[in-house]
Amino acid sequence: MKRIFLSILIIFMASLIINEADAQQPQTRRGGGFTQQGIQNRRGGTMQANTEPARPTGIEIVSKLEKPANARKLEEKDFAGYVMVYFKDQDQCAYMAISKDGYNFTDINAGQKVFDGTILAEQKGVRDPHITRGPDGAFYLAMTDLHIFGQRAGYRETAWQRPEEKYGWGNNRALVLMKSYDLIHWTHSDFRVDTAFPELGDIDCSWAPETVYDEDAGKMMVYFTIRYNNRNANMYCSYANDEFTKLETKPEMIPNIGGIDGDITKVGDKYHLYYVSSARILHAVSDKISTGYVSDPNKINPDRENTEAPNLFKRLGTDTWVLMYDIYGARPNNMGFSETKDFVNYEHIGRFNEGQMKGTNFERPKHGAVTYITLDELKVVKEHWNVDINLE
């Protein structure tokens, strides 16, 4: 009897030690259950590496783009589908998927990377990709230069580039800027915000860049999060050069928005800004692109888990808009979707592969963004990457 009691006591004490060690694992600011010690799926154990043979990324980095003779501003009637970019924590690289109907997305490279963080970023990793179309018909891609597992991967000797106790989680300072007319040939720039604009002072980080065309300025506006003193995070905006290789104006704070991960879309004569505050998706509206926003304090997404990275896109040929967001607090993580027609009422339509939205050959996308694509462009992508998708 004593032996049985001792055995039970030993097992109980061992379980307490394991649980305490697990609880003490540091959590990242983005990604919830991922830690510096290992990429873990709390529901299914340690995630397995991709064992598929490595495929070429399929893109080519060029020093200069040749603008097509027929390049122009595209209208909704020109588009026949959608292109989505996203990243994965497993390799700190970005991916691309296409869809004909806006419901079923197919990864163009069979679930393997298209934008290689080890090549494109100072920290050997990219996060938070955003893609949009410009008035010249080009695709504009912006990403965060950050590898959150850089120490473990052997890219640096410390957890972060600078001391975490002063600069906080991540503390990166560069943005990756890329431009293309065909999704195959891309220019590339790794732009250090702090060195380009020393008047900004000692910034903690520059995160989650997005791009939108400012009709009044006639420029592509890049807006992103800057944090100071390991606590004061706000959105800032700046204008890029035509080549999309650098920011030309000092980033200025978008006032009256105490949040991060902004996403701006012009609908009619209003600008709709979705952003994140306390891991909730909020909404603000303004008559101007970078000022005058009035926020609604009510949370939009219905999820109980922490969320970030809202992105708005329209269902082509309808009056329905889709709000996509990263439910990074879910286990496993996933993207959530809500639809609206009036930007007041929202219908939750589930998550990838748990509702109307489907990822046909990929799972667990993070921090995604969607823009539009023509039928000819869809056909080029399908042929170039040999994508198994029906375009009829």
Protein backbone atom coordinates (compact mmCIF):
# COMPACT_ATOMS: atom_id res chain seq x y z
CA MET A 1 0.00 0.00 0.00
CA LYS A 2 2.86 2.35 0.89
CA ARG A 3 4.52 1.65 -2.48
CA ILE A 4 1.30 2.50 -4.33
CA PHE A 5 0.94 5.75 -2.38
CA LEU A 6 4.57 6.71 -3.10
CA SER A 7 4.13 5.97 -6.83
CA ILE A 8 1.03 8.18 -7.01
CA LEU A 9 2.84 10.95 -5.12
CA ILE A 10 5.84 10.82 -7.50
CA ILE A 11 3.59 11.01 -10.57
CA PHE A 12 1.64 13.93 -9.08
CA MET A 13 4.82 15.87 -8.24
CA ALA A 14 6.24 15.25 -11.72
CA SER A 15 3.09 16.61 -13.36
CA LEU A 16 3.29 19.76 -11.23
CA ILE A 17 6.90 20.34 -12.31
CA ILE A 18 6.04 19.90 -16.00
CA ASN A 19 3.04 22.21 -15.80
CA GLU A 20 5.02 24.88 -13.96
CA ALA A 21 7.84 24.73 -16.53
CA ASP A 22 5.32 24.99 -19.35
CA ALA A 23 3.62 27.99 -17.75
CA GLN A 24 6.95 29.79 -17.40
CA GLN A 25 7.76 29.59 -21.11
CA PRO A 26 7.92 33.18 -22.43
CA GLN A 27 5.16 34.17 -24.85
CA THR A 28 5.77 36.30 -27.90
CA ARG A 29 3.77 39.45 -28.53
CA ARG A 30 2.50 37.98 -31.79
CA GLY A 31 1.69 34.31 -32.10
CA GLY A 32 0.67 33.36 -28.58
CA GLY A 33 2.02 29.87 -27.90
CA PHE A 34 5.21 30.22 -29.93
CA THR A 35 8.28 30.60 -27.73
CA GLN A 36 11.96 31.32 -28.14
CA GLN A 37 12.68 27.81 -26.89
CA GLY A 38 10.63 26.05 -29.54
CA ILE A 39 7.73 26.39 -31.94
CA GLN A 40 4.95 24.58 -30.14
CA ASN A 41 1.36 23.72 -30.85
CA ARG A 42 -0.21 23.48 -27.38
CA ARG A 43 -3.00 21.29 -28.68
CA GLY A 44 -0.89 18.91 -30.70
CA GLY A 45 2.66 19.09 -29.31
CA THR A 46 5.73 20.31 -31.16
CA MET A 47 5.00 21.13 -34.78
CA GLN A 48 6.71 18.99 -37.37
CA ALA A 49 8.90 20.50 -40.04
CA ASN A 50 7.73 20.40 -43.66
CA THR A 51 9.16 17.19 -45.12
CA GLU A 52 8.16 17.95 -48.71
CA PRO A 53 11.07 18.48 -51.15
CA ALA A 54 11.99 22.15 -51.33
CA ARG A 55 10.58 24.00 -54.33
CA PRO A 56 12.00 27.15 -55.93
CA THR A 57 10.21 30.28 -54.77
CA GLY A 58 9.23 31.09 -58.35
CA ILE A 59 9.99 34.80 -58.08
CA GLU A 60 12.91 36.79 -59.46
CA ILE A 61 14.43 39.84 -57.78
CA VAL A 62 15.31 42.49 -60.36
CA SER A 63 17.06 45.85 -60.05
CA LYS A 64 14.48 47.68 -62.15
CA LEU A 65 10.98 47.03 -63.42
CA GLU A 66 9.88 47.63 -66.97
CA LYS A 67 6.45 49.20 -66.85
CA PRO A 68 4.13 47.40 -69.30
CA ALA A 69 2.85 49.52 -72.15
CA ASN A 70 -0.74 48.79 -71.14
CA ALA A 71 -0.22 49.45 -67.42
CA ARG A 72 -3.01 51.58 -65.97
CA LYS A 73 -5.24 52.02 -62.95
CA LEU A 74 -7.50 49.00 -62.78
CA GLU A 75 -11.19 49.14 -61.89
CA GLU A 76 -13.37 46.53 -60.20
CA LYS A 77 -14.74 45.41 -63.58
CA ASP A 78 -11.20 44.47 -64.66
CA PHE A 79 -10.71 41.94 -61.88
CA ALA A 80 -11.58 38.26 -61.96
CA GLY A 81 -10.11 36.95 -58.73
CA TYR A 82 -8.07 37.49 -55.61
CA VAL A 83 -4.48 37.10 -54.42
CA MET A 84 -3.61 36.66 -50.76
CA VAL A 85 -0.25 36.92 -49.01
CA TYR A 86 0.44 35.50 -45.56
CA PHE A 87 3.37 34.23 -43.51
CA LYS A 88 4.19 31.30 -41.27
CA ASP A 89 6.00 31.29 -37.95
CA GLN A 90 7.66 27.98 -38.78
CA ASP A 91 10.11 29.56 -41.24
CA GLN A 92 9.53 33.34 -41.00
CA CYS A 93 8.81 33.49 -44.74
CA ALA A 94 5.85 34.76 -46.77
CA TYR A 95 3.48 32.82 -49.01
CA MET A 96 0.94 33.57 -51.73
CA ALA A 97 -2.43 32.07 -52.63
CA ILE A 98 -4.99 32.81 -55.33
CA SER A 99 -8.75 32.44 -55.62
CA LYS A 100 -11.30 32.78 -58.40
CA ASP A 101 -14.34 33.13 -56.16
CA GLY A 102 -12.98 34.75 -52.98
CA TYR A 103 -13.96 31.72 -50.89
CA ASN A 104 -11.52 28.99 -51.93
CA PHE A 105 -7.83 29.95 -51.84
CA THR A 106 -5.04 27.80 -53.30
CA ASP A 107 -1.40 28.32 -52.34
CA ILE A 108 0.52 28.92 -55.58
CA ASN A 109 3.71 27.11 -54.52
CA ALA A 110 2.14 23.97 -53.04
CA GLY A 111 2.32 25.38 -49.53
CA GLN A 112 5.96 26.41 -49.74
CA LYS A 113 7.52 29.85 -49.43
CA VAL A 114 7.47 32.44 -52.19
CA PHE A 115 9.19 35.29 -50.35
CA ASP A 116 12.30 33.93 -48.61
CA GLY A 117 13.00 35.85 -45.42
CA THR A 118 16.61 34.68 -45.29
CA ILE A 119 17.25 36.57 -48.54
CA LEU A 120 14.95 39.57 -48.22
CA ALA A 121 15.47 40.74 -44.63
CA GLU A 122 18.27 42.04 -42.44
CA GLN A 123 17.10 39.73 -39.65
CA LYS A 124 16.68 36.79 -42.08
CA GLY A 125 12.93 36.65 -41.53
CA VAL A 126 9.78 38.44 -42.72
CA ARG A 127 6.37 38.83 -41.10
CA ASP A 128 3.10 40.70 -41.58
CA PRO A 129 2.95 40.82 -45.41
CA HIS A 130 0.50 43.23 -47.03
CA ILE A 131 -0.28 43.50 -50.75
CA THR A 132 -2.29 46.07 -52.69
CA ARG A 133 -2.62 47.51 -56.21
CA GLY A 134 -1.40 50.98 -57.16
CA PRO A 135 -2.72 53.48 -59.74
CA ASP A 136 -0.10 52.17 -62.16
CA GLY A 137 -1.55 48.66 -61.97
CA ALA A 138 1.45 47.36 -60.03
CA PHE A 139 1.42 45.14 -56.96
CA TYR A 140 2.90 46.73 -53.83
CA LEU A 141 4.13 44.36 -51.13
CA ALA A 142 5.32 45.52 -47.69
CA MET A 143 6.54 43.32 -44.82
CA THR A 144 8.11 43.52 -41.38
CA ASP A 145 11.82 42.67 -41.28
CA LEU A 146 11.92 40.43 -38.20
CA HIS A 147 12.96 36.90 -37.30
CA ILE A 148 11.59 36.13 -33.85
CA PHE A 149 13.62 32.90 -33.61
CA GLY A 150 16.86 34.44 -34.94
CA GLN A 151 18.95 33.30 -31.99
CA ARG A 152 17.84 29.70 -32.23
CA ALA A 153 18.34 29.75 -36.01
CA GLY A 154 21.92 30.93 -35.52
CA TYR A 155 21.46 34.40 -37.05
CA ARG A 156 22.32 36.28 -33.85
CA GLU A 157 23.72 35.57 -30.40
CA THR A 158 20.92 37.21 -28.43
CA ALA A 159 17.15 36.77 -28.27
CA TRP A 160 16.66 40.13 -30.02
CA GLN A 161 18.95 42.57 -31.80
CA ARG A 162 18.84 44.89 -28.78
CA PRO A 163 18.13 44.38 -25.05
CA GLU A 164 14.53 43.34 -24.46
CA GLU A 165 14.36 45.06 -21.09
CA LYS A 166 14.77 48.42 -22.84
CA TYR A 167 13.32 47.91 -26.32
CA GLY A 168 10.80 45.13 -25.75
CA TRP A 169 9.60 42.25 -27.90
CA GLY A 170 10.92 42.17 -31.46
CA ASN A 171 12.66 45.58 -31.51
CA ASN A 172 13.28 45.50 -35.27
CA ARG A 173 13.70 48.69 -37.29
CA ALA A 174 13.48 47.77 -40.99
CA LEU A 175 10.63 47.37 -43.49
CA VAL A 176 10.78 45.21 -46.61
CA LEU A 177 9.37 47.01 -49.69
CA MET A 178 8.72 45.17 -52.97
CA LYS A 179 6.97 46.01 -56.25
CA SER A 180 5.90 43.94 -59.26
CA TYR A 181 3.71 44.11 -62.34
CA ASP A 182 3.30 40.34 -62.78
CA LEU A 183 3.85 38.76 -59.33
CA ILE A 184 6.97 37.07 -60.70
CA HIS A 185 9.54 39.85 -61.16
CA TRP A 186 10.01 42.02 -58.07
CA THR A 187 12.17 44.92 -57.01
CA HIS A 188 13.30 44.74 -53.41
CA SER A 189 14.45 47.14 -50.71
CA ASP A 190 15.16 46.56 -47.04
CA PHE A 191 14.52 50.01 -45.60
CA ARG A 192 15.82 51.02 -42.16
CA VAL A 193 13.34 53.51 -40.75
CA ASP A 194 15.56 54.70 -37.90
CA THR A 195 18.62 55.49 -39.99
CA ALA A 196 16.58 57.19 -42.74
CA PHE A 197 14.82 59.40 -40.18
CA PRO A 198 17.10 59.90 -37.16
CA GLU A 199 14.77 62.68 -36.01
CA LEU A 200 12.38 59.92 -34.93
CA GLY A 201 14.74 59.18 -32.07
CA ASP A 202 15.43 55.82 -30.49
CA ILE A 203 12.48 53.76 -31.72
CA ASP A 204 11.74 50.33 -30.30
CA CYS A 205 10.38 48.84 -33.50
CA SER A 206 8.65 49.32 -36.85
CA TRP A 207 5.94 46.73 -37.50
CA ALA A 208 3.23 45.66 -39.89
CA PRO A 209 3.56 48.06 -42.84
CA GLU A 210 0.64 48.52 -45.22
CA THR A 211 0.25 50.65 -48.34
CA VAL A 212 -2.65 52.65 -49.75
CA TYR A 213 -2.85 55.17 -52.59
CA ASP A 214 -3.43 58.76 -51.46
CA GLU A 215 -5.35 60.42 -54.29
CA ASP A 216 -4.76 63.93 -52.97
CA ALA A 217 -0.99 63.48 -52.67
CA GLY A 218 -0.70 61.33 -55.79
CA LYS A 219 1.56 58.96 -53.84
CA MET A 220 1.54 55.54 -52.26
CA MET A 221 1.25 56.04 -48.50
CA VAL A 222 2.95 53.51 -46.25
CA TYR A 223 1.60 53.29 -42.71
CA PHE A 224 2.92 51.10 -39.92
CA THR A 225 3.35 50.77 -36.17
CA ILE A 226 6.17 52.47 -34.28
CA ARG A 227 6.68 51.78 -30.59
CA TYR A 228 8.63 53.81 -28.03
CA ASN A 229 9.75 53.04 -24.46
CA ASN A 230 8.46 49.48 -24.69
CA ARG A 231 4.85 50.61 -24.27
CA ASN A 232 3.79 53.52 -26.49
CA ALA A 233 2.76 52.00 -29.83
CA ASN A 234 0.96 54.04 -32.48
CA MET A 235 0.45 54.10 -36.23
CA TYR A 236 2.59 56.38 -38.38
CA CYS A 237 2.39 57.20 -42.09
CA SER A 238 4.88 58.28 -44.75
CA TYR A 239 5.01 58.56 -48.55
CA ALA A 240 7.08 56.23 -50.71
CA ASN A 241 8.96 57.03 -53.88
CA ASP A 242 7.54 55.83 -57.21
CA GLU A 243 9.98 52.91 -57.35
CA PHE A 244 8.79 51.80 -53.92
CA THR A 245 12.30 51.42 -52.58
CA LYS A 246 12.21 54.02 -49.79
CA LEU A 247 10.10 56.37 -47.73
CA GLU A 248 10.55 60.00 -48.72
CA THR A 249 8.82 61.85 -45.88
CA LYS A 250 9.30 61.66 -42.13
CA PRO A 251 6.70 59.28 -40.66
CA GLU A 252 3.99 61.21 -38.82
CA MET A 253 1.64 59.74 -36.25
CA ILE A 254 -1.98 59.15 -37.23
CA PRO A 255 -3.70 61.04 -34.40
CA ASN A 256 -6.38 59.82 -32.00
CA ILE A 257 -5.80 56.12 -32.74
CA GLY A 258 -4.23 54.31 -29.83
CA GLY A 259 -3.63 51.04 -31.60
CA ILE A 260 -1.54 48.99 -33.99
CA ASP A 261 -1.89 46.90 -37.18
CA GLY A 262 -3.90 49.47 -39.11
CA ASP A 263 -5.70 48.69 -42.39
CA ILE A 264 -7.08 51.61 -44.44
CA THR A 265 -9.58 51.25 -47.30
CA LYS A 266 -11.44 53.99 -49.15
CA VAL A 267 -15.11 53.17 -49.67
CA GLY A 268 -17.03 55.89 -51.47
CA ASP A 269 -15.88 59.19 -49.95
CA LYS A 270 -14.94 57.69 -46.56
CA TYR A 271 -11.78 56.05 -45.29
CA HIS A 272 -12.30 53.00 -43.11
CA LEU A 273 -9.52 52.15 -40.68
CA TYR A 274 -9.53 48.80 -38.92
CA TYR A 275 -6.93 48.39 -36.20
CA VAL A 276 -6.02 46.45 -33.07
CA SER A 277 -6.30 47.56 -29.46
CA SER A 278 -5.85 45.13 -26.57
CA ALA A 279 -5.93 42.21 -29.05
CA ARG A 280 -9.40 43.28 -30.31
CA ILE A 281 -10.42 44.50 -33.78
CA LEU A 282 -11.81 48.05 -33.76
CA HIS A 283 -13.09 50.36 -36.51
CA ALA A 284 -12.69 54.07 -37.23
CA VAL A 285 -13.93 56.33 -40.06
CA SER A 286 -12.66 59.61 -41.51
CA ASP A 287 -13.09 61.93 -44.48
CA LYS A 288 -9.29 62.08 -44.76
CA ILE A 289 -6.74 59.36 -45.25
CA SER A 290 -4.38 60.05 -42.33
CA THR A 291 -6.25 62.22 -39.84
CA GLY A 292 -9.66 62.89 -38.36
CA TYR A 293 -10.58 59.29 -37.55
CA VAL A 294 -13.48 58.72 -35.17
CA SER A 295 -13.41 55.32 -33.50
CA ASP A 296 -16.19 52.99 -32.41
CA PRO A 297 -15.12 51.46 -29.07
CA ASN A 298 -17.09 48.25 -29.70
CA LYS A 299 -15.14 45.12 -30.58
CA ILE A 300 -15.99 43.75 -34.03
CA ASN A 301 -14.61 40.22 -34.08
CA PRO A 302 -16.63 37.66 -32.06
CA ASP A 303 -13.64 35.56 -31.05
CA ARG A 304 -12.65 35.06 -27.43
CA GLU A 305 -9.02 34.47 -28.40
CA ASN A 306 -6.54 37.28 -29.06
CA THR A 307 -6.64 38.70 -32.57
CA GLU A 308 -4.62 41.05 -34.77
CA ALA A 309 -3.95 42.04 -38.39
CA PRO A 310 -7.37 43.09 -39.78
CA ASN A 311 -7.62 43.33 -43.57
CA LEU A 312 -10.63 44.41 -45.60
CA PHE A 313 -11.47 43.28 -49.14
CA LYS A 314 -14.58 43.38 -51.30
CA ARG A 315 -16.44 40.49 -52.83
CA LEU A 316 -16.19 41.50 -56.46
CA GLY A 317 -19.48 42.33 -58.14
CA THR A 318 -21.36 42.65 -54.85
CA ASP A 319 -21.87 45.20 -52.07
CA THR A 320 -20.37 42.85 -49.48
CA TRP A 321 -17.03 43.50 -47.75
CA VAL A 322 -15.00 40.84 -45.97
CA LEU A 323 -12.97 41.58 -42.85
CA MET A 324 -10.18 39.04 -42.37
CA TYR A 325 -8.08 38.88 -39.21
CA ASP A 326 -5.46 36.71 -37.55
CA ILE A 327 -6.72 34.79 -34.51
CA TYR A 328 -3.23 34.24 -33.17
CA GLY A 329 -4.51 33.24 -29.76
CA ALA A 330 -6.29 30.17 -31.14
CA ARG A 331 -4.69 26.73 -30.89
CA PRO A 332 -3.91 26.12 -33.64
CA ASN A 333 -3.86 29.68 -34.97
CA ASN A 334 -6.16 30.52 -37.88
CA MET A 335 -7.70 33.37 -39.84
CA GLY A 336 -11.22 34.58 -39.00
CA PHE A 337 -13.73 36.25 -41.33
CA SER A 338 -16.72 38.57 -40.93
CA GLU A 339 -18.86 40.16 -43.65
CA THR A 340 -20.52 43.56 -43.71
CA LYS A 341 -22.48 45.73 -46.12
CA ASP A 342 -22.85 48.84 -43.98
CA PHE A 343 -19.72 48.77 -41.73
CA VAL A 344 -22.02 48.68 -38.72
CA ASN A 345 -23.42 45.15 -38.73
CA TYR A 346 -21.13 42.14 -39.18
CA GLU A 347 -21.88 38.49 -39.87
CA HIS A 348 -19.24 36.07 -38.68
CA ILE A 349 -18.62 33.42 -41.36
CA GLY A 350 -16.09 31.27 -39.53
CA ARG A 351 -12.43 30.52 -39.96
CA PHE A 352 -10.37 28.94 -42.71
CA ASN A 353 -11.64 25.39 -43.27
CA GLU A 354 -14.17 25.80 -40.44
CA GLY A 355 -16.79 27.74 -42.38
CA GLN A 356 -17.33 29.23 -45.85
CA MET A 357 -13.67 30.16 -46.37
CA LYS A 358 -11.33 27.39 -47.50
CA GLY A 359 -7.59 26.94 -47.88
CA THR A 360 -7.33 24.08 -50.33
CA ASN A 361 -3.67 23.15 -49.86
CA PHE A 362 -2.38 25.08 -46.85
CA GLU A 363 -3.18 25.65 -43.19
CA ARG A 364 -2.36 27.95 -40.28
CA PRO A 365 -1.75 31.17 -42.28
CA LYS A 366 -0.79 34.24 -40.26
CA HIS A 367 -1.27 38.00 -40.72
CA GLY A 368 -2.65 37.87 -44.26
CA ALA A 369 -3.85 40.44 -46.79
CA VAL A 370 -5.93 40.18 -49.96
CA THR A 371 -6.06 42.24 -53.14
CA TYR A 372 -7.47 41.71 -56.62
CA ILE A 373 -6.16 40.15 -59.81
CA THR A 374 -7.24 40.00 -63.46
CA LEU A 375 -8.04 36.81 -65.34
CA ASP A 376 -4.92 37.16 -67.49
CA GLU A 377 -2.82 37.54 -64.34
CA LEU A 378 -4.47 34.49 -62.81
CA LYS A 379 -3.60 32.49 -65.91
CA VAL A 380 0.04 33.63 -65.79
CA VAL A 381 0.34 32.64 -62.13
CA LYS A 382 -1.38 29.29 -62.74
CA GLU A 383 1.04 28.44 -65.56
CA HIS A 384 4.20 29.79 -63.92
CA TRP A 385 3.71 27.92 -60.63
CA ASN A 386 1.73 25.03 -62.13
CA VAL A 387 -1.15 25.71 -59.73
CA ASP A 388 -3.93 23.14 -59.50
CA ILE A 389 -6.88 25.54 -59.76
CA ASN A 390 -9.91 25.78 -62.02
CA LEU A 391 -10.20 29.21 -63.61
CA GLU A 392 -13.31 28.51 -65.64
